[in-house]
Amino acid sequence: MKALMIGQKVPPLSVSEWVQGQAVNFEQLHGQVVLVAVFQVNCPSCFLSCLPQVLGLNQRYAQRGLTVLGLATAFEDFDKNNLENLKRLVETGEVVGETLRVLSERGVLRDGKLPYRIDFPVAMDRLTKREFGSIESEIDAFISQRLSDLEQDIGLRQPHVRAQVKQYLQTLEYHAETFEFFQLQGTPSYILVDKAGVLVACRFGAYPDLESDILKLLQ
């Protein structure tokens, strides 16, 4: 499937299950600004920065036309970033793995659980079993999509680097369809869609202008 570009109409999200809220998609949200918060269950920074930020935005702007959706994905640690742990997170606030370790060390948790509740619809990305047709094309795609900013600095096309990427790819059991369709580089990531269903922004990591971008789209 060809990756989506900024300025293009966004098709329905590819998800395996909605674990909270009613199944919804962009066509049903015409006239709303839509923010999709993409996270992994085993991702401490997702719970330290992304989700609290997005919860605040949802509380401030839901009545003004903002719809927030959560999408849990998995591009690594498939034993932790899975549907079972996502359901437990949404239902009870329990966290696992590195998220549990880091948030415990920082004193964020209350009785071993998140101090906040995710109050918007949440879905699990659709995972499909990975089948390597041409491993070389997989390596090229990974370098172009995930490591392009570093390519010139450290010579990512060198044989030893390609060998490391190949070794990493061979440890991955699944494709995460929405994660790959939007060419996301990691988690947390933010997908921002305007009232007409057009992709406005797709950001990985810090997004300091997120609130101001949302306000512009709401006006």
C-alpha atoms as a PDB file:
ATOM      1  CA  MET A   1       0.000   0.000   0.000  1.00  0.00           C
ATOM      2  CA  LYS A   2       1.334   3.418  -1.002  1.00  0.00           C
ATOM      3  CA  ALA A   3       2.116   5.685   1.934  1.00  0.00           C
ATOM      4  CA  LEU A   4      -0.085   8.720   2.534  1.00  0.00           C
ATOM      5  CA  MET A   5       1.301  12.204   1.966  1.00  0.00           C
ATOM      6  CA  ILE A   6       0.499  15.500   3.678  1.00  0.00           C
ATOM      7  CA  GLY A   7      -2.415  17.153   1.897  1.00  0.00           C
ATOM      8  CA  GLN A   8      -4.081  13.903   0.877  1.00  0.00           C
ATOM      9  CA  LYS A   9      -7.447  12.564   1.997  1.00  0.00           C
ATOM     10  CA  VAL A  10      -7.066  10.108   4.871  1.00  0.00           C
ATOM     11  CA  PRO A  11      -8.570   6.634   4.366  1.00  0.00           C
ATOM     12  CA  PRO A  12     -10.044   4.592   7.234  1.00  0.00           C
ATOM     13  CA  LEU A  13      -7.578   3.499   9.899  1.00  0.00           C
ATOM     14  CA  SER A  14      -6.579  -0.148   9.703  1.00  0.00           C
ATOM     15  CA  VAL A  15      -7.298  -1.544  13.168  1.00  0.00           C
ATOM     16  CA  SER A  16      -7.820  -4.998  14.610  1.00  0.00           C
ATOM     17  CA  GLU A  17     -10.211  -3.990  17.384  1.00  0.00           C
ATOM     18  CA  TRP A  18     -11.653  -0.971  19.159  1.00  0.00           C
ATOM     19  CA  VAL A  19     -11.068  -1.655  22.847  1.00  0.00           C
ATOM     20  CA  GLN A  20     -12.765   1.515  24.070  1.00  0.00           C
ATOM     21  CA  GLY A  21     -15.493   3.613  22.510  1.00  0.00           C
ATOM     22  CA  GLN A  22     -17.456   2.990  19.341  1.00  0.00           C
ATOM     23  CA  ALA A  23     -15.699   2.101  16.095  1.00  0.00           C
ATOM     24  CA  VAL A  24     -15.264   5.366  14.230  1.00  0.00           C
ATOM     25  CA  ASN A  25     -13.351   6.684  11.252  1.00  0.00           C
ATOM     26  CA  PHE A  26     -12.581   9.832   9.336  1.00  0.00           C
ATOM     27  CA  GLU A  27     -15.596   9.792   7.022  1.00  0.00           C
ATOM     28  CA  GLN A  28     -17.874   9.757  10.074  1.00  0.00           C
ATOM     29  CA  LEU A  29     -15.934  12.678  11.562  1.00  0.00           C
ATOM     30  CA  HIS A  30     -16.360  15.110   8.667  1.00  0.00           C
ATOM     31  CA  GLY A  31     -16.457  18.618  10.109  1.00  0.00           C
ATOM     32  CA  GLN A  32     -14.311  17.638  13.098  1.00  0.00           C
ATOM     33  CA  VAL A  33     -10.589  18.172  13.570  1.00  0.00           C
ATOM     34  CA  VAL A  34      -9.168  14.738  14.369  1.00  0.00           C
ATOM     35  CA  LEU A  35      -6.046  14.012  16.395  1.00  0.00           C
ATOM     36  CA  VAL A  36      -4.798  10.418  16.502  1.00  0.00           C
ATOM     37  CA  ALA A  37      -2.311   9.739  19.303  1.00  0.00           C
ATOM     38  CA  VAL A  38      -0.182   6.738  18.310  1.00  0.00           C
ATOM     39  CA  PHE A  39       1.521   4.963  21.207  1.00  0.00           C
ATOM     40  CA  GLN A  40       2.873   1.615  22.356  1.00  0.00           C
ATOM     41  CA  VAL A  41       1.990  -0.017  25.652  1.00  0.00           C
ATOM     42  CA  ASN A  42       5.705  -0.588  26.283  1.00  0.00           C
ATOM     43  CA  CYS A  43       6.734   3.034  25.697  1.00  0.00           C
ATOM     44  CA  PRO A  44       7.430   5.117  28.837  1.00  0.00           C
ATOM     45  CA  SER A  45       7.574   8.456  27.021  1.00  0.00           C
ATOM     46  CA  CYS A  46       4.114   7.831  25.598  1.00  0.00           C
ATOM     47  CA  PHE A  47       2.746   7.863  29.155  1.00  0.00           C
ATOM     48  CA  LEU A  48       4.969  10.629  30.496  1.00  0.00           C
ATOM     49  CA  SER A  49       4.300  13.186  27.774  1.00  0.00           C
ATOM     50  CA  CYS A  50       2.037  12.201  24.878  1.00  0.00           C
ATOM     51  CA  LEU A  51      -1.032  10.792  26.607  1.00  0.00           C
ATOM     52  CA  PRO A  52      -1.254  13.442  29.368  1.00  0.00           C
ATOM     53  CA  GLN A  53      -0.856  16.164  26.716  1.00  0.00           C
ATOM     54  CA  VAL A  54      -3.525  14.667  24.487  1.00  0.00           C
ATOM     55  CA  LEU A  55      -5.906  14.154  27.404  1.00  0.00           C
ATOM     56  CA  GLY A  56      -5.589  17.856  28.201  1.00  0.00           C
ATOM     57  CA  LEU A  57      -6.279  18.830  24.596  1.00  0.00           C
ATOM     58  CA  ASN A  58      -9.327  16.574  24.532  1.00  0.00           C
ATOM     59  CA  GLN A  59     -10.705  18.191  27.688  1.00  0.00           C
ATOM     60  CA  ARG A  60     -10.111  21.730  26.430  1.00  0.00           C
ATOM     61  CA  TYR A  61     -11.283  21.434  22.843  1.00  0.00           C
ATOM     62  CA  ALA A  62     -13.743  18.538  22.500  1.00  0.00           C
ATOM     63  CA  GLN A  63     -16.658  20.972  22.756  1.00  0.00           C
ATOM     64  CA  ARG A  64     -15.117  23.135  20.040  1.00  0.00           C
ATOM     65  CA  GLY A  65     -14.865  20.382  17.437  1.00  0.00           C
ATOM     66  CA  LEU A  66     -11.781  18.302  18.274  1.00  0.00           C
ATOM     67  CA  THR A  67     -12.029  14.508  18.242  1.00  0.00           C
ATOM     68  CA  VAL A  68      -9.155  12.580  19.820  1.00  0.00           C
ATOM     69  CA  LEU A  69      -8.510   8.918  19.026  1.00  0.00           C
ATOM     70  CA  GLY A  70      -5.866   6.640  20.515  1.00  0.00           C
ATOM     71  CA  LEU A  71      -4.111   4.030  18.401  1.00  0.00           C
ATOM     72  CA  ALA A  72      -1.887   1.471  20.116  1.00  0.00           C
ATOM     73  CA  THR A  73       0.636   0.024  17.705  1.00  0.00           C
ATOM     74  CA  ALA A  74       3.537  -2.447  17.846  1.00  0.00           C
ATOM     75  CA  PHE A  75       6.767  -2.333  15.872  1.00  0.00           C
ATOM     76  CA  GLU A  76       8.833  -4.108  18.530  1.00  0.00           C
ATOM     77  CA  ASP A  77       8.423  -5.972  21.857  1.00  0.00           C
ATOM     78  CA  PHE A  78       5.415  -7.859  20.538  1.00  0.00           C
ATOM     79  CA  ASP A  79       5.135  -9.832  23.782  1.00  0.00           C
ATOM     80  CA  LYS A  80       4.236  -6.586  25.589  1.00  0.00           C
ATOM     81  CA  ASN A  81       2.752  -4.377  22.866  1.00  0.00           C
ATOM     82  CA  ASN A  82      -0.280  -6.547  22.332  1.00  0.00           C
ATOM     83  CA  LEU A  83      -4.067  -6.487  22.521  1.00  0.00           C
ATOM     84  CA  GLU A  84      -4.268  -8.181  25.916  1.00  0.00           C
ATOM     85  CA  ASN A  85      -2.055  -5.589  27.621  1.00  0.00           C
ATOM     86  CA  LEU A  86      -3.865  -2.753  25.858  1.00  0.00           C
ATOM     87  CA  LYS A  87      -7.216  -3.952  27.190  1.00  0.00           C
ATOM     88  CA  ARG A  88      -5.783  -4.209  30.702  1.00  0.00           C
ATOM     89  CA  LEU A  89      -4.379  -0.695  30.394  1.00  0.00           C
ATOM     90  CA  VAL A  90      -7.680   0.813  29.273  1.00  0.00           C
ATOM     91  CA  GLU A  91      -9.794  -1.108  31.781  1.00  0.00           C
ATOM     92  CA  THR A  92      -7.618  -0.872  34.893  1.00  0.00           C
ATOM     93  CA  GLY A  93      -4.745   1.578  34.244  1.00  0.00           C
ATOM     94  CA  GLU A  94      -2.163  -1.195  34.657  1.00  0.00           C
ATOM     95  CA  VAL A  95       1.104  -0.795  32.741  1.00  0.00           C
ATOM     96  CA  VAL A  96       3.821  -3.299  31.848  1.00  0.00           C
ATOM     97  CA  GLY A  97       7.480  -3.656  30.913  1.00  0.00           C
ATOM     98  CA  GLU A  98       9.608  -0.538  30.576  1.00  0.00           C
ATOM     99  CA  THR A  99       6.573   1.648  31.134  1.00  0.00           C
ATOM    100  CA  LEU A 100       6.021   0.046  34.537  1.00  0.00           C
ATOM    101  CA  ARG A 101       9.713   0.296  35.457  1.00  0.00           C
ATOM    102  CA  VAL A 102      10.236   3.931  34.421  1.00  0.00           C
ATOM    103  CA  LEU A 103       6.962   5.270  35.777  1.00  0.00           C
ATOM    104  CA  SER A 104       7.553   3.429  39.059  1.00  0.00           C
ATOM    105  CA  GLU A 105      11.052   4.907  39.381  1.00  0.00           C
ATOM    106  CA  ARG A 106       9.675   8.398  38.794  1.00  0.00           C
ATOM    107  CA  GLY A 107       6.864   7.981  41.289  1.00  0.00           C
ATOM    108  CA  VAL A 108       4.169   8.546  38.682  1.00  0.00           C
ATOM    109  CA  LEU A 109       2.010   5.518  39.461  1.00  0.00           C
ATOM    110  CA  ARG A 110      -0.604   5.259  42.179  1.00  0.00           C
ATOM    111  CA  ASP A 111      -0.947   1.783  43.618  1.00  0.00           C
ATOM    112  CA  GLY A 112       0.919   0.535  40.556  1.00  0.00           C
ATOM    113  CA  LYS A 113      -1.527   2.128  38.108  1.00  0.00           C
ATOM    114  CA  LEU A 114      -1.740   5.270  35.995  1.00  0.00           C
ATOM    115  CA  PRO A 115      -2.922   8.365  37.877  1.00  0.00           C
ATOM    116  CA  TYR A 116      -5.147   9.290  34.926  1.00  0.00           C
ATOM    117  CA  ARG A 117      -7.714   7.502  32.773  1.00  0.00           C
ATOM    118  CA  ILE A 118      -7.633   7.463  28.992  1.00  0.00           C
ATOM    119  CA  ASP A 119     -11.080   8.882  28.213  1.00  0.00           C
ATOM    120  CA  PHE A 120     -11.194   8.817  24.413  1.00  0.00           C
ATOM    121  CA  PRO A 121     -11.752   5.942  21.927  1.00  0.00           C
ATOM    122  CA  VAL A 122      -8.783   3.576  21.642  1.00  0.00           C
ATOM    123  CA  ALA A 123      -8.038   0.946  19.005  1.00  0.00           C
ATOM    124  CA  MET A 124      -5.299  -1.604  18.344  1.00  0.00           C
ATOM    125  CA  ASP A 125      -3.344  -1.343  15.106  1.00  0.00           C
ATOM    126  CA  ARG A 126      -3.816  -4.266  12.728  1.00  0.00           C
ATOM    127  CA  LEU A 127      -0.793  -6.575  12.896  1.00  0.00           C
ATOM    128  CA  THR A 128      -0.064  -8.986  10.073  1.00  0.00           C
ATOM    129  CA  LYS A 129       2.519 -11.737  10.026  1.00  0.00           C
ATOM    130  CA  ARG A 130       5.693 -10.541   8.340  1.00  0.00           C
ATOM    131  CA  GLU A 131       6.801 -12.448   5.253  1.00  0.00           C
ATOM    132  CA  PHE A 132      10.104 -11.385   3.761  1.00  0.00           C
ATOM    133  CA  GLY A 133       9.925 -11.392  -0.008  1.00  0.00           C
ATOM    134  CA  SER A 134      13.023  -9.345  -0.755  1.00  0.00           C
ATOM    135  CA  ILE A 135      14.945  -8.555   2.406  1.00  0.00           C
ATOM    136  CA  GLU A 136      17.044  -6.012   0.499  1.00  0.00           C
ATOM    137  CA  SER A 137      13.958  -3.972  -0.400  1.00  0.00           C
ATOM    138  CA  GLU A 138      12.853  -4.167   3.252  1.00  0.00           C
ATOM    139  CA  ILE A 139      16.248  -2.787   4.288  1.00  0.00           C
ATOM    140  CA  ASP A 140      15.995   0.052   1.749  1.00  0.00           C
ATOM    141  CA  ALA A 141      12.511   0.954   2.928  1.00  0.00           C
ATOM    142  CA  PHE A 142      13.559   0.920   6.597  1.00  0.00           C
ATOM    143  CA  ILE A 143      16.529   3.212   5.947  1.00  0.00           C
ATOM    144  CA  SER A 144      14.455   5.616   3.845  1.00  0.00           C
ATOM    145  CA  GLN A 145      11.509   5.786   6.235  1.00  0.00           C
ATOM    146  CA  ARG A 146      13.070   5.462   9.682  1.00  0.00           C
ATOM    147  CA  LEU A 147      16.684   6.588   9.349  1.00  0.00           C
ATOM    148  CA  SER A 148      16.730   9.096   6.500  1.00  0.00           C
ATOM    149  CA  ASP A 149      17.764  12.031   8.717  1.00  0.00           C
ATOM    150  CA  LEU A 150      20.921  10.177   9.769  1.00  0.00           C
ATOM    151  CA  GLU A 151      21.810   8.656   6.433  1.00  0.00           C
ATOM    152  CA  GLN A 152      24.338  11.247   5.261  1.00  0.00           C
ATOM    153  CA  ASP A 153      25.903  11.657   8.705  1.00  0.00           C
ATOM    154  CA  ILE A 154      26.852   8.048   9.357  1.00  0.00           C
ATOM    155  CA  GLY A 155      26.752   6.383   5.966  1.00  0.00           C
ATOM    156  CA  LEU A 156      23.770   4.127   6.477  1.00  0.00           C
ATOM    157  CA  ARG A 157      24.256   2.487   3.081  1.00  0.00           C
ATOM    158  CA  GLN A 158      27.514   0.920   4.191  1.00  0.00           C
ATOM    159  CA  PRO A 159      27.465  -2.908   4.224  1.00  0.00           C
ATOM    160  CA  HIS A 160      27.965  -3.287   7.974  1.00  0.00           C
ATOM    161  CA  VAL A 161      25.070  -0.909   8.686  1.00  0.00           C
ATOM    162  CA  ARG A 162      22.820  -2.744   6.231  1.00  0.00           C
ATOM    163  CA  ALA A 163      23.765  -5.975   7.996  1.00  0.00           C
ATOM    164  CA  GLN A 164      22.660  -4.503  11.330  1.00  0.00           C
ATOM    165  CA  VAL A 165      19.363  -3.353   9.844  1.00  0.00           C
ATOM    166  CA  LYS A 166      18.840  -6.811   8.319  1.00  0.00           C
ATOM    167  CA  GLN A 167      19.471  -8.470  11.674  1.00  0.00           C
ATOM    168  CA  TYR A 168      16.972  -6.130  13.337  1.00  0.00           C
ATOM    169  CA  LEU A 169      14.286  -6.671  10.691  1.00  0.00           C
ATOM    170  CA  GLN A 170      14.579 -10.430  11.004  1.00  0.00           C
ATOM    171  CA  THR A 171      13.584 -10.159  14.676  1.00  0.00           C
ATOM    172  CA  LEU A 172      10.256  -8.516  13.763  1.00  0.00           C
ATOM    173  CA  GLU A 173       7.335 -10.899  13.609  1.00  0.00           C
ATOM    174  CA  TYR A 174       4.642  -8.531  12.376  1.00  0.00           C
ATOM    175  CA  HIS A 175       3.800  -5.540  10.229  1.00  0.00           C
ATOM    176  CA  ALA A 176       1.790  -2.826  11.972  1.00  0.00           C
ATOM    177  CA  GLU A 177      -0.414  -1.638   9.120  1.00  0.00           C
ATOM    178  CA  THR A 178      -1.362   1.881  10.211  1.00  0.00           C
ATOM    179  CA  PHE A 179       2.114   2.576  11.610  1.00  0.00           C
ATOM    180  CA  GLU A 180       3.704   1.670   8.284  1.00  0.00           C
ATOM    181  CA  PHE A 181       1.022   3.309   6.121  1.00  0.00           C
ATOM    182  CA  PHE A 182       1.717   6.694   7.704  1.00  0.00           C
ATOM    183  CA  GLN A 183       5.492   5.996   7.625  1.00  0.00           C
ATOM    184  CA  LEU A 184       5.779   6.675  11.344  1.00  0.00           C
ATOM    185  CA  GLN A 185       9.275   6.586  12.814  1.00  0.00           C
ATOM    186  CA  GLY A 186       8.414   5.547  16.343  1.00  0.00           C
ATOM    187  CA  THR A 187       6.191   6.339  19.294  1.00  0.00           C
ATOM    188  CA  PRO A 188       4.714   8.564  20.422  1.00  0.00           C
ATOM    189  CA  SER A 189       3.472   9.957  17.124  1.00  0.00           C
ATOM    190  CA  TYR A 190       0.674  12.344  16.235  1.00  0.00           C
ATOM    191  CA  ILE A 191      -1.597  12.252  13.183  1.00  0.00           C
ATOM    192  CA  LEU A 192      -3.551  15.472  12.660  1.00  0.00           C
ATOM    193  CA  VAL A 193      -6.461  15.629  10.204  1.00  0.00           C
ATOM    194  CA  ASP A 194      -8.518  18.703   9.270  1.00  0.00           C
ATOM    195  CA  LYS A 195     -12.304  19.091   9.076  1.00  0.00           C
ATOM    196  CA  ALA A 196     -12.329  17.910   5.460  1.00  0.00           C
ATOM    197  CA  GLY A 197     -10.500  14.673   6.299  1.00  0.00           C
ATOM    198  CA  VAL A 198      -7.156  15.813   4.864  1.00  0.00           C
ATOM    199  CA  LEU A 199      -3.836  14.922   6.511  1.00  0.00           C
ATOM    200  CA  VAL A 200      -2.264  18.079   7.942  1.00  0.00           C
ATOM    201  CA  ALA A 201       0.598  16.735  10.061  1.00  0.00           C
ATOM    202  CA  CYS A 202       2.276  13.483  10.970  1.00  0.00           C
ATOM    203  CA  ARG A 203       4.888  13.916  13.713  1.00  0.00           C
ATOM    204  CA  PHE A 204       7.096  11.628  15.773  1.00  0.00           C
ATOM    205  CA  GLY A 205       8.300  12.631  19.224  1.00  0.00           C
ATOM    206  CA  ALA A 206       7.905  16.155  20.527  1.00  0.00           C
ATOM    207  CA  TYR A 207       5.262  18.294  18.829  1.00  0.00           C
ATOM    208  CA  PRO A 208       5.484  21.688  20.586  1.00  0.00           C
ATOM    209  CA  ASP A 209       3.137  23.407  18.107  1.00  0.00           C
ATOM    210  CA  LEU A 210       0.395  20.790  18.392  1.00  0.00           C
ATOM    211  CA  GLU A 211      -2.040  22.949  20.351  1.00  0.00           C
ATOM    212  CA  SER A 212      -1.570  25.995  18.144  1.00  0.00           C
ATOM    213  CA  ASP A 213      -2.010  23.853  15.001  1.00  0.00           C
ATOM    214  CA  ILE A 214      -5.244  22.441  16.416  1.00  0.00           C
ATOM    215  CA  LEU A 215      -6.538  25.940  17.211  1.00  0.00           C
ATOM    216  CA  LYS A 216      -5.850  27.094  13.655  1.00  0.00           C
ATOM    217  CA  LEU A 217      -7.811  24.142  12.268  1.00  0.00           C
ATOM    218  CA  LEU A 218     -10.712  24.724  14.671  1.00  0.00           C
ATOM    219  CA  GLN A 219     -11.130  28.354  13.620  1.00  0.00           C
END
